[in-house]
All heavy atoms as atom14 arrays in JSON, in Angstrom:
{
  "sequence": "KWPAPKRYRPPTELITLPEGPERVEIQVASHLEHLSDGSC",
  "atom14_mask": [
    [1, 1, 1, 1, 1, 1, 1, 1, 1, 0, 0, 0, 0, 0],
    [1, 1, 1, 1, 1, 1, 1, 1, 1, 1, 1, 1, 1, 1],
    [1, 1, 1, 1, 1, 1, 1, 0, 0, 0, 0, 0, 0, 0],
    [1, 1, 1, 1, 1, 0, 0, 0, 0, 0, 0, 0, 0, 0],
    [1, 1, 1, 1, 1, 1, 1, 0, 0, 0, 0, 0, 0, 0],
    [1, 1, 1, 1, 1, 1, 1, 1, 1, 0, 0, 0, 0, 0],
    [1, 1, 1, 1, 1, 1, 1, 1, 1, 1, 1, 0, 0, 0],
    [1, 1, 1, 1, 1, 1, 1, 1, 1, 1, 1, 1, 0, 0],
    [1, 1, 1, 1, 1, 1, 1, 1, 1, 1, 1, 0, 0, 0],
    [1, 1, 1, 1, 1, 1, 1, 0, 0, 0, 0, 0, 0, 0],
    [1, 1, 1, 1, 1, 1, 1, 0, 0, 0, 0, 0, 0, 0],
    [1, 1, 1, 1, 1, 1, 1, 0, 0, 0, 0, 0, 0, 0],
    [1, 1, 1, 1, 1, 1, 1, 1, 1, 0, 0, 0, 0, 0],
    [1, 1, 1, 1, 1, 1, 1, 1, 0, 0, 0, 0, 0, 0],
    [1, 1, 1, 1, 1, 1, 1, 1, 0, 0, 0, 0, 0, 0],
    [1, 1, 1, 1, 1, 1, 1, 0, 0, 0, 0, 0, 0, 0],
    [1, 1, 1, 1, 1, 1, 1, 1, 0, 0, 0, 0, 0, 0],
    [1, 1, 1, 1, 1, 1, 1, 0, 0, 0, 0, 0, 0, 0],
    [1, 1, 1, 1, 1, 1, 1, 1, 1, 0, 0, 0, 0, 0],
    [1, 1, 1, 1, 0, 0, 0, 0, 0, 0, 0, 0, 0, 0],
    [1, 1, 1, 1, 1, 1, 1, 0, 0, 0, 0, 0, 0, 0],
    [1, 1, 1, 1, 1, 1, 1, 1, 1, 0, 0, 0, 0, 0],
    [1, 1, 1, 1, 1, 1, 1, 1, 1, 1, 1, 0, 0, 0],
    [1, 1, 1, 1, 1, 1, 1, 0, 0, 0, 0, 0, 0, 0],
    [1, 1, 1, 1, 1, 1, 1, 1, 1, 0, 0, 0, 0, 0],
    [1, 1, 1, 1, 1, 1, 1, 1, 0, 0, 0, 0, 0, 0],
    [1, 1, 1, 1, 1, 1, 1, 1, 1, 0, 0, 0, 0, 0],
    [1, 1, 1, 1, 1, 1, 1, 0, 0, 0, 0, 0, 0, 0],
    [1, 1, 1, 1, 1, 0, 0, 0, 0, 0, 0, 0, 0, 0],
    [1, 1, 1, 1, 1, 1, 0, 0, 0, 0, 0, 0, 0, 0],
    [1, 1, 1, 1, 1, 1, 1, 1, 1, 1, 0, 0, 0, 0],
    [1, 1, 1, 1, 1, 1, 1, 1, 0, 0, 0, 0, 0, 0],
    [1, 1, 1, 1, 1, 1, 1, 1, 1, 0, 0, 0, 0, 0],
    [1, 1, 1, 1, 1, 1, 1, 1, 1, 1, 0, 0, 0, 0],
    [1, 1, 1, 1, 1, 1, 1, 1, 0, 0, 0, 0, 0, 0],
    [1, 1, 1, 1, 1, 1, 0, 0, 0, 0, 0, 0, 0, 0],
    [1, 1, 1, 1, 1, 1, 1, 1, 0, 0, 0, 0, 0, 0],
    [1, 1, 1, 1, 0, 0, 0, 0, 0, 0, 0, 0, 0, 0],
    [1, 1, 1, 1, 1, 1, 0, 0, 0, 0, 0, 0, 0, 0],
    [1, 1, 1, 1, 1, 1, 0, 0, 0, 0, 0, 0, 0, 0]
  ],
  "atom14_positions": [
    [[205.36, 160.86, 43.02], [205.14, 160.25, 41.71], [206.45, 160.02, 40.95], [206.45, 159.39, 39.89], [204.2, 161.13, 40.87], [202.81, 161.3, 41.45], [201.95, 162.17, 40.55], [200.56, 162.36, 41.13], [199.72, 163.23, 40.25], [0.0, 0.0, 0.0], [0.0, 0.0, 0.0], [0.0, 0.0, 0.0], [0.0, 0.0, 0.0], [0.0, 0.0, 0.0]],
    [[207.51, 160.58, 41.51], [208.81, 160.49, 40.84], [209.86, 160.16, 41.9], [210.45, 161.07, 42.47], [209.13, 161.82, 40.14], [210.16, 161.68, 39.05], [211.48, 161.39, 39.21], [209.95, 161.83, 37.65], [212.1, 161.34, 38.0], [211.2, 161.6, 37.02], [208.84, 162.13, 36.87], [211.36, 161.69, 35.65], [209.01, 162.19, 35.51], [210.25, 161.98, 34.9]],
    [[210.07, 158.9, 42.19], [210.96, 158.54, 43.3], [212.38, 159.02, 43.08], [212.85, 159.15, 41.95], [210.87, 157.01, 43.32], [210.44, 156.63, 41.94], [209.55, 157.73, 41.48], [0.0, 0.0, 0.0], [0.0, 0.0, 0.0], [0.0, 0.0, 0.0], [0.0, 0.0, 0.0], [0.0, 0.0, 0.0], [0.0, 0.0, 0.0], [0.0, 0.0, 0.0]],
    [[213.05, 159.28, 44.19], [214.45, 159.71, 44.12], [215.3, 158.57, 43.59], [215.08, 157.4, 43.93], [214.92, 160.13, 45.51], [0.0, 0.0, 0.0], [0.0, 0.0, 0.0], [0.0, 0.0, 0.0], [0.0, 0.0, 0.0], [0.0, 0.0, 0.0], [0.0, 0.0, 0.0], [0.0, 0.0, 0.0], [0.0, 0.0, 0.0], [0.0, 0.0, 0.0]],
    [[216.27, 158.88, 42.73], [217.15, 157.81, 42.22], [217.97, 157.19, 43.34], [218.43, 157.89, 44.24], [218.04, 158.57, 41.21], [217.97, 160.0, 41.62], [216.62, 160.2, 42.19], [0.0, 0.0, 0.0], [0.0, 0.0, 0.0], [0.0, 0.0, 0.0], [0.0, 0.0, 0.0], [0.0, 0.0, 0.0], [0.0, 0.0, 0.0], [0.0, 0.0, 0.0]],
    [[218.08, 155.9, 43.29], [218.86, 155.2, 44.32], [220.35, 155.35, 44.03], [220.8, 155.07, 42.92], [218.47, 153.72, 44.36], [217.03, 153.48, 44.77], [216.7, 151.98, 44.76], [215.25, 151.75, 45.15], [214.91, 150.3, 45.12], [0.0, 0.0, 0.0], [0.0, 0.0, 0.0], [0.0, 0.0, 0.0], [0.0, 0.0, 0.0], [0.0, 0.0, 0.0]],
    [[221.07, 155.8, 45.02], [222.51, 155.99, 44.85], [223.24, 154.93, 45.65], [223.1, 154.82, 46.87], [222.93, 157.38, 45.31], [224.41, 157.67, 45.09], [224.75, 159.11, 45.47], [226.16, 159.39, 45.33], [226.75, 159.76, 44.21], [226.02, 159.9, 43.12], [228.05, 160.0, 44.16], [0.0, 0.0, 0.0], [0.0, 0.0, 0.0], [0.0, 0.0, 0.0]],
    [[224.0, 154.12, 44.96], [224.75, 153.04, 45.62], [225.92, 153.63, 46.41], [226.64, 154.5, 45.93], [225.27, 152.07, 44.56], [226.24, 151.06, 45.09], [225.84, 150.09, 46.01], [227.58, 151.07, 44.7], [226.73, 149.17, 46.51], [228.48, 150.14, 45.18], [228.05, 149.2, 46.1], [228.94, 148.29, 46.6], [0.0, 0.0, 0.0], [0.0, 0.0, 0.0]],
    [[226.1, 153.12, 47.61], [227.22, 153.53, 48.46], [228.2, 152.37, 48.56], [227.92, 151.36, 49.23], [226.73, 153.93, 49.85], [225.78, 155.14, 49.82], [225.4, 155.57, 51.22], [224.47, 156.69, 51.18], [224.83, 157.97, 51.02], [226.12, 158.27, 50.89], [223.92, 158.92, 51.0], [0.0, 0.0, 0.0], [0.0, 0.0, 0.0], [0.0, 0.0, 0.0]],
    [[229.34, 152.46, 47.87], [230.29, 151.34, 47.85], [230.99, 151.17, 49.2], [231.02, 152.11, 50.02], [231.29, 151.76, 46.77], [231.24, 153.26, 46.79], [229.81, 153.62, 47.09], [0.0, 0.0, 0.0], [0.0, 0.0, 0.0], [0.0, 0.0, 0.0], [0.0, 0.0, 0.0], [0.0, 0.0, 0.0], [0.0, 0.0, 0.0], [0.0, 0.0, 0.0]],
    [[231.54, 149.99, 49.47], [232.34, 149.8, 50.68], [233.48, 150.82, 50.7], [234.2, 150.98, 49.7], [232.88, 148.37, 50.53], [231.98, 147.72, 49.55], [231.49, 148.78, 48.64], [0.0, 0.0, 0.0], [0.0, 0.0, 0.0], [0.0, 0.0, 0.0], [0.0, 0.0, 0.0], [0.0, 0.0, 0.0], [0.0, 0.0, 0.0], [0.0, 0.0, 0.0]],
    [[233.61, 151.52, 51.81], [234.56, 152.62, 51.89], [235.42, 152.49, 53.13], [234.94, 152.08, 54.19], [233.82, 153.97, 51.91], [233.0, 154.07, 50.75], [234.79, 155.14, 51.93], [0.0, 0.0, 0.0], [0.0, 0.0, 0.0], [0.0, 0.0, 0.0], [0.0, 0.0, 0.0], [0.0, 0.0, 0.0], [0.0, 0.0, 0.0], [0.0, 0.0, 0.0]],
    [[236.69, 152.85, 52.99], [237.63, 152.76, 54.1], [238.48, 154.03, 54.12], [238.84, 154.56, 53.07], [238.52, 151.53, 53.92], [239.58, 151.34, 54.98], [240.48, 150.14, 54.69], [240.17, 149.39, 53.75], [241.48, 149.98, 55.41], [0.0, 0.0, 0.0], [0.0, 0.0, 0.0], [0.0, 0.0, 0.0], [0.0, 0.0, 0.0], [0.0, 0.0, 0.0]],
    [[238.76, 154.51, 55.3], [239.64, 155.68, 55.46], [240.95, 155.21, 56.07], [240.95, 154.55, 57.11], [238.97, 156.72, 56.36], [239.82, 157.95, 56.7], [240.12, 158.77, 55.45], [239.12, 158.81, 57.76], [0.0, 0.0, 0.0], [0.0, 0.0, 0.0], [0.0, 0.0, 0.0], [0.0, 0.0, 0.0], [0.0, 0.0, 0.0], [0.0, 0.0, 0.0]],
    [[242.05, 155.54, 55.42], [243.36, 155.19, 55.97], [244.22, 156.44, 56.08], [244.01, 157.42, 55.38], [244.08, 154.12, 55.12], [244.41, 154.68, 53.72], [243.25, 152.84, 55.01], [245.27, 153.72, 52.88], [0.0, 0.0, 0.0], [0.0, 0.0, 0.0], [0.0, 0.0, 0.0], [0.0, 0.0, 0.0], [0.0, 0.0, 0.0], [0.0, 0.0, 0.0]],
    [[245.18, 156.38, 56.97], [246.1, 157.49, 57.19], [247.5, 157.05, 56.79], [247.98, 156.0, 57.23], [246.1, 157.92, 58.67], [244.77, 158.28, 59.05], [247.02, 159.12, 58.88], [0.0, 0.0, 0.0], [0.0, 0.0, 0.0], [0.0, 0.0, 0.0], [0.0, 0.0, 0.0], [0.0, 0.0, 0.0], [0.0, 0.0, 0.0], [0.0, 0.0, 0.0]],
    [[248.11, 157.83, 55.92], [249.45, 157.51, 55.43], [250.37, 158.72, 55.56], [249.9, 159.86, 55.51], [249.39, 157.09, 53.95], [248.64, 155.81, 53.6], [248.6, 155.64, 52.08], [249.3, 154.59, 54.25], [0.0, 0.0, 0.0], [0.0, 0.0, 0.0], [0.0, 0.0, 0.0], [0.0, 0.0, 0.0], [0.0, 0.0, 0.0], [0.0, 0.0, 0.0]],
    [[251.67, 158.49, 55.69], [252.6, 159.62, 55.67], [252.7, 160.17, 54.24], [252.78, 159.4, 53.28], [253.93, 159.01, 56.12], [253.81, 157.55, 55.79], [252.35, 157.22, 55.95], [0.0, 0.0, 0.0], [0.0, 0.0, 0.0], [0.0, 0.0, 0.0], [0.0, 0.0, 0.0], [0.0, 0.0, 0.0], [0.0, 0.0, 0.0], [0.0, 0.0, 0.0]],
    [[252.65, 161.46, 54.09], [252.72, 162.06, 52.76], [254.11, 161.88, 52.19], [255.11, 162.18, 52.84], [252.36, 163.55, 52.83], [252.22, 164.19, 51.47], [251.66, 165.59, 51.54], [251.41, 166.08, 52.67], [251.46, 166.21, 50.47], [0.0, 0.0, 0.0], [0.0, 0.0, 0.0], [0.0, 0.0, 0.0], [0.0, 0.0, 0.0], [0.0, 0.0, 0.0]],
    [[254.18, 161.38, 50.96], [255.47, 161.11, 50.33], [255.54, 161.67, 48.93], [254.58, 162.27, 48.42], [0.0, 0.0, 0.0], [0.0, 0.0, 0.0], [0.0, 0.0, 0.0], [0.0, 0.0, 0.0], [0.0, 0.0, 0.0], [0.0, 0.0, 0.0], [0.0, 0.0, 0.0], [0.0, 0.0, 0.0], [0.0, 0.0, 0.0], [0.0, 0.0, 0.0]],
    [[256.66, 161.46, 48.24], [256.83, 162.02, 46.9], [256.03, 161.28, 45.82], [255.75, 161.84, 44.76], [258.34, 161.87, 46.65], [258.75, 160.71, 47.51], [257.88, 160.77, 48.71], [0.0, 0.0, 0.0], [0.0, 0.0, 0.0], [0.0, 0.0, 0.0], [0.0, 0.0, 0.0], [0.0, 0.0, 0.0], [0.0, 0.0, 0.0], [0.0, 0.0, 0.0]],
    [[255.67, 160.01, 46.07], [254.95, 159.24, 45.06], [253.48, 159.62, 45.05], [252.94, 160.12, 46.05], [255.08, 157.74, 45.34], [256.5, 157.2, 45.15], [256.55, 155.71, 45.41], [256.03, 155.28, 46.46], [257.1, 154.98, 44.57], [0.0, 0.0, 0.0], [0.0, 0.0, 0.0], [0.0, 0.0, 0.0], [0.0, 0.0, 0.0], [0.0, 0.0, 0.0]],
    [[252.8, 159.38, 43.9], [251.38, 159.67, 43.82], [250.62, 158.78, 44.8], [251.07, 157.67, 45.14], [250.86, 159.52, 42.4], [251.06, 158.18, 41.74], [250.62, 158.25, 40.29], [249.23, 158.71, 40.19], [248.73, 159.35, 39.13], [249.5, 159.62, 38.1], [247.45, 159.72, 39.11], [0.0, 0.0, 0.0], [0.0, 0.0, 0.0], [0.0, 0.0, 0.0]],
    [[249.48, 159.24, 45.24], [248.76, 158.58, 46.32], [248.38, 157.15, 45.96], [248.38, 156.25, 46.82], [247.52, 159.42, 46.71], [246.52, 159.5, 45.56], [246.87, 158.86, 47.96], [0.0, 0.0, 0.0], [0.0, 0.0, 0.0], [0.0, 0.0, 0.0], [0.0, 0.0, 0.0], [0.0, 0.0, 0.0], [0.0, 0.0, 0.0], [0.0, 0.0, 0.0]],
    [[248.06, 156.87, 44.69], [247.67, 155.51, 44.3], [248.82, 154.52, 44.53], [248.58, 153.37, 44.95], [247.24, 155.47, 42.83], [246.0, 156.29, 42.52], [246.32, 157.72, 42.14], [247.49, 158.13, 42.33], [245.41, 158.42, 41.66], [0.0, 0.0, 0.0], [0.0, 0.0, 0.0], [0.0, 0.0, 0.0], [0.0, 0.0, 0.0], [0.0, 0.0, 0.0]],
    [[250.03, 154.94, 44.23], [251.19, 154.06, 44.42], [251.42, 153.8, 45.9], [251.75, 152.67, 46.3], [252.44, 154.7, 43.78], [252.21, 154.95, 42.28], [253.65, 153.8, 43.98], [251.91, 153.72, 41.48], [0.0, 0.0, 0.0], [0.0, 0.0, 0.0], [0.0, 0.0, 0.0], [0.0, 0.0, 0.0], [0.0, 0.0, 0.0], [0.0, 0.0, 0.0]],
    [[251.22, 154.81, 46.72], [251.4, 154.62, 48.17], [250.35, 153.65, 48.72], [250.66, 152.81, 49.56], [251.3, 155.97, 48.87], [252.43, 156.91, 48.52], [252.37, 158.2, 49.31], [252.45, 158.19, 50.53], [252.21, 159.31, 48.62], [0.0, 0.0, 0.0], [0.0, 0.0, 0.0], [0.0, 0.0, 0.0], [0.0, 0.0, 0.0], [0.0, 0.0, 0.0]],
    [[249.12, 153.79, 48.25], [248.07, 152.87, 48.7], [248.36, 151.45, 48.22], [248.14, 150.48, 48.95], [246.68, 153.34, 48.22], [245.61, 152.3, 48.55], [246.32, 154.67, 48.86], [0.0, 0.0, 0.0], [0.0, 0.0, 0.0], [0.0, 0.0, 0.0], [0.0, 0.0, 0.0], [0.0, 0.0, 0.0], [0.0, 0.0, 0.0], [0.0, 0.0, 0.0]],
    [[248.86, 151.31, 47.0], [249.2, 149.98, 46.48], [250.25, 149.31, 47.37], [250.12, 148.12, 47.72], [249.7, 150.09, 45.04], [0.0, 0.0, 0.0], [0.0, 0.0, 0.0], [0.0, 0.0, 0.0], [0.0, 0.0, 0.0], [0.0, 0.0, 0.0], [0.0, 0.0, 0.0], [0.0, 0.0, 0.0], [0.0, 0.0, 0.0], [0.0, 0.0, 0.0]],
    [[251.27, 150.05, 47.78], [252.3, 149.5, 48.67], [251.69, 149.12, 50.02], [252.03, 148.07, 50.61], [253.42, 150.52, 48.86], [254.05, 150.82, 47.64], [0.0, 0.0, 0.0], [0.0, 0.0, 0.0], [0.0, 0.0, 0.0], [0.0, 0.0, 0.0], [0.0, 0.0, 0.0], [0.0, 0.0, 0.0], [0.0, 0.0, 0.0], [0.0, 0.0, 0.0]],
    [[250.8, 149.97, 50.51], [250.12, 149.7, 51.78], [249.32, 148.4, 51.71], [249.37, 147.57, 52.63], [249.21, 150.89, 52.11], [248.33, 150.68, 53.3], [248.77, 150.76, 54.59], [246.98, 150.38, 53.37], [247.76, 150.53, 55.42], [246.66, 150.3, 54.7], [0.0, 0.0, 0.0], [0.0, 0.0, 0.0], [0.0, 0.0, 0.0], [0.0, 0.0, 0.0]],
    [[248.56, 148.21, 50.61], [247.74, 147.01, 50.46], [248.59, 145.77, 50.27], [248.24, 144.67, 50.77], [246.78, 147.19, 49.29], [245.7, 148.26, 49.47], [244.88, 148.4, 48.18], [244.79, 147.92, 50.65], [0.0, 0.0, 0.0], [0.0, 0.0, 0.0], [0.0, 0.0, 0.0], [0.0, 0.0, 0.0], [0.0, 0.0, 0.0], [0.0, 0.0, 0.0]],
    [[249.69, 145.88, 49.55], [250.59, 144.73, 49.39], [251.13, 144.28, 50.75], [251.23, 143.08, 51.03], [251.75, 145.1, 48.46], [251.35, 145.15, 47.0], [252.54, 145.39, 46.09], [253.55, 145.98, 46.55], [252.48, 144.99, 44.92], [0.0, 0.0, 0.0], [0.0, 0.0, 0.0], [0.0, 0.0, 0.0], [0.0, 0.0, 0.0], [0.0, 0.0, 0.0]],
    [[251.47, 145.26, 51.58], [252.01, 144.92, 52.92], [250.95, 144.22, 53.76], [251.25, 143.22, 54.45], [252.47, 146.21, 53.61], [252.95, 145.99, 55.01], [254.14, 145.36, 55.31], [252.35, 146.3, 56.22], [254.27, 145.29, 56.63], [253.22, 145.86, 57.2], [0.0, 0.0, 0.0], [0.0, 0.0, 0.0], [0.0, 0.0, 0.0], [0.0, 0.0, 0.0]],
    [[249.71, 144.71, 53.71], [248.65, 144.12, 54.53], [248.24, 142.73, 54.05], [247.91, 141.86, 54.86], [247.42, 145.04, 54.53], [247.55, 146.38, 55.28], [246.25, 147.15, 55.16], [247.9, 146.15, 56.75], [0.0, 0.0, 0.0], [0.0, 0.0, 0.0], [0.0, 0.0, 0.0], [0.0, 0.0, 0.0], [0.0, 0.0, 0.0], [0.0, 0.0, 0.0]],
    [[248.22, 142.54, 52.72], [247.69, 141.29, 52.17], [248.76, 140.28, 51.83], [248.45, 139.14, 51.49], [246.89, 141.59, 50.91], [247.75, 142.04, 49.87], [0.0, 0.0, 0.0], [0.0, 0.0, 0.0], [0.0, 0.0, 0.0], [0.0, 0.0, 0.0], [0.0, 0.0, 0.0], [0.0, 0.0, 0.0], [0.0, 0.0, 0.0], [0.0, 0.0, 0.0]],
    [[250.01, 140.73, 51.9], [251.13, 139.88, 51.49], [250.95, 139.41, 50.03], [251.34, 138.3, 49.67], [251.25, 138.67, 52.42], [252.62, 137.99, 52.31], [253.59, 138.7, 51.94], [252.72, 136.78, 52.58], [0.0, 0.0, 0.0], [0.0, 0.0, 0.0], [0.0, 0.0, 0.0], [0.0, 0.0, 0.0], [0.0, 0.0, 0.0], [0.0, 0.0, 0.0]],
    [[250.3, 140.25, 49.22], [250.05, 139.9, 47.82], [250.64, 140.92, 46.87], [251.64, 141.59, 47.19], [0.0, 0.0, 0.0], [0.0, 0.0, 0.0], [0.0, 0.0, 0.0], [0.0, 0.0, 0.0], [0.0, 0.0, 0.0], [0.0, 0.0, 0.0], [0.0, 0.0, 0.0], [0.0, 0.0, 0.0], [0.0, 0.0, 0.0], [0.0, 0.0, 0.0]],
    [[250.03, 141.03, 45.7], [250.5, 141.97, 44.67], [249.39, 142.97, 44.37], [248.22, 142.59, 44.27], [250.87, 141.22, 43.38], [251.89, 140.27, 43.64], [0.0, 0.0, 0.0], [0.0, 0.0, 0.0], [0.0, 0.0, 0.0], [0.0, 0.0, 0.0], [0.0, 0.0, 0.0], [0.0, 0.0, 0.0], [0.0, 0.0, 0.0], [0.0, 0.0, 0.0]],
    [[249.78, 144.22, 44.22], [248.81, 145.26, 43.9], [249.39, 146.12, 42.78], [250.54, 146.55, 42.84], [248.52, 146.12, 45.13], [247.11, 147.23, 44.91], [0.0, 0.0, 0.0], [0.0, 0.0, 0.0], [0.0, 0.0, 0.0], [0.0, 0.0, 0.0], [0.0, 0.0, 0.0], [0.0, 0.0, 0.0], [0.0, 0.0, 0.0], [0.0, 0.0, 0.0]]
  ]
}
């Protein structure tokens, strides 16, 4: 009588990067710029 709430599962990707001094978001931004040849 009380259905379970639907939980959306967004598109998800797992990547492996070398650990560096910069915060992880900045490292991922550089990674995406390299792959897309764009700006992140």
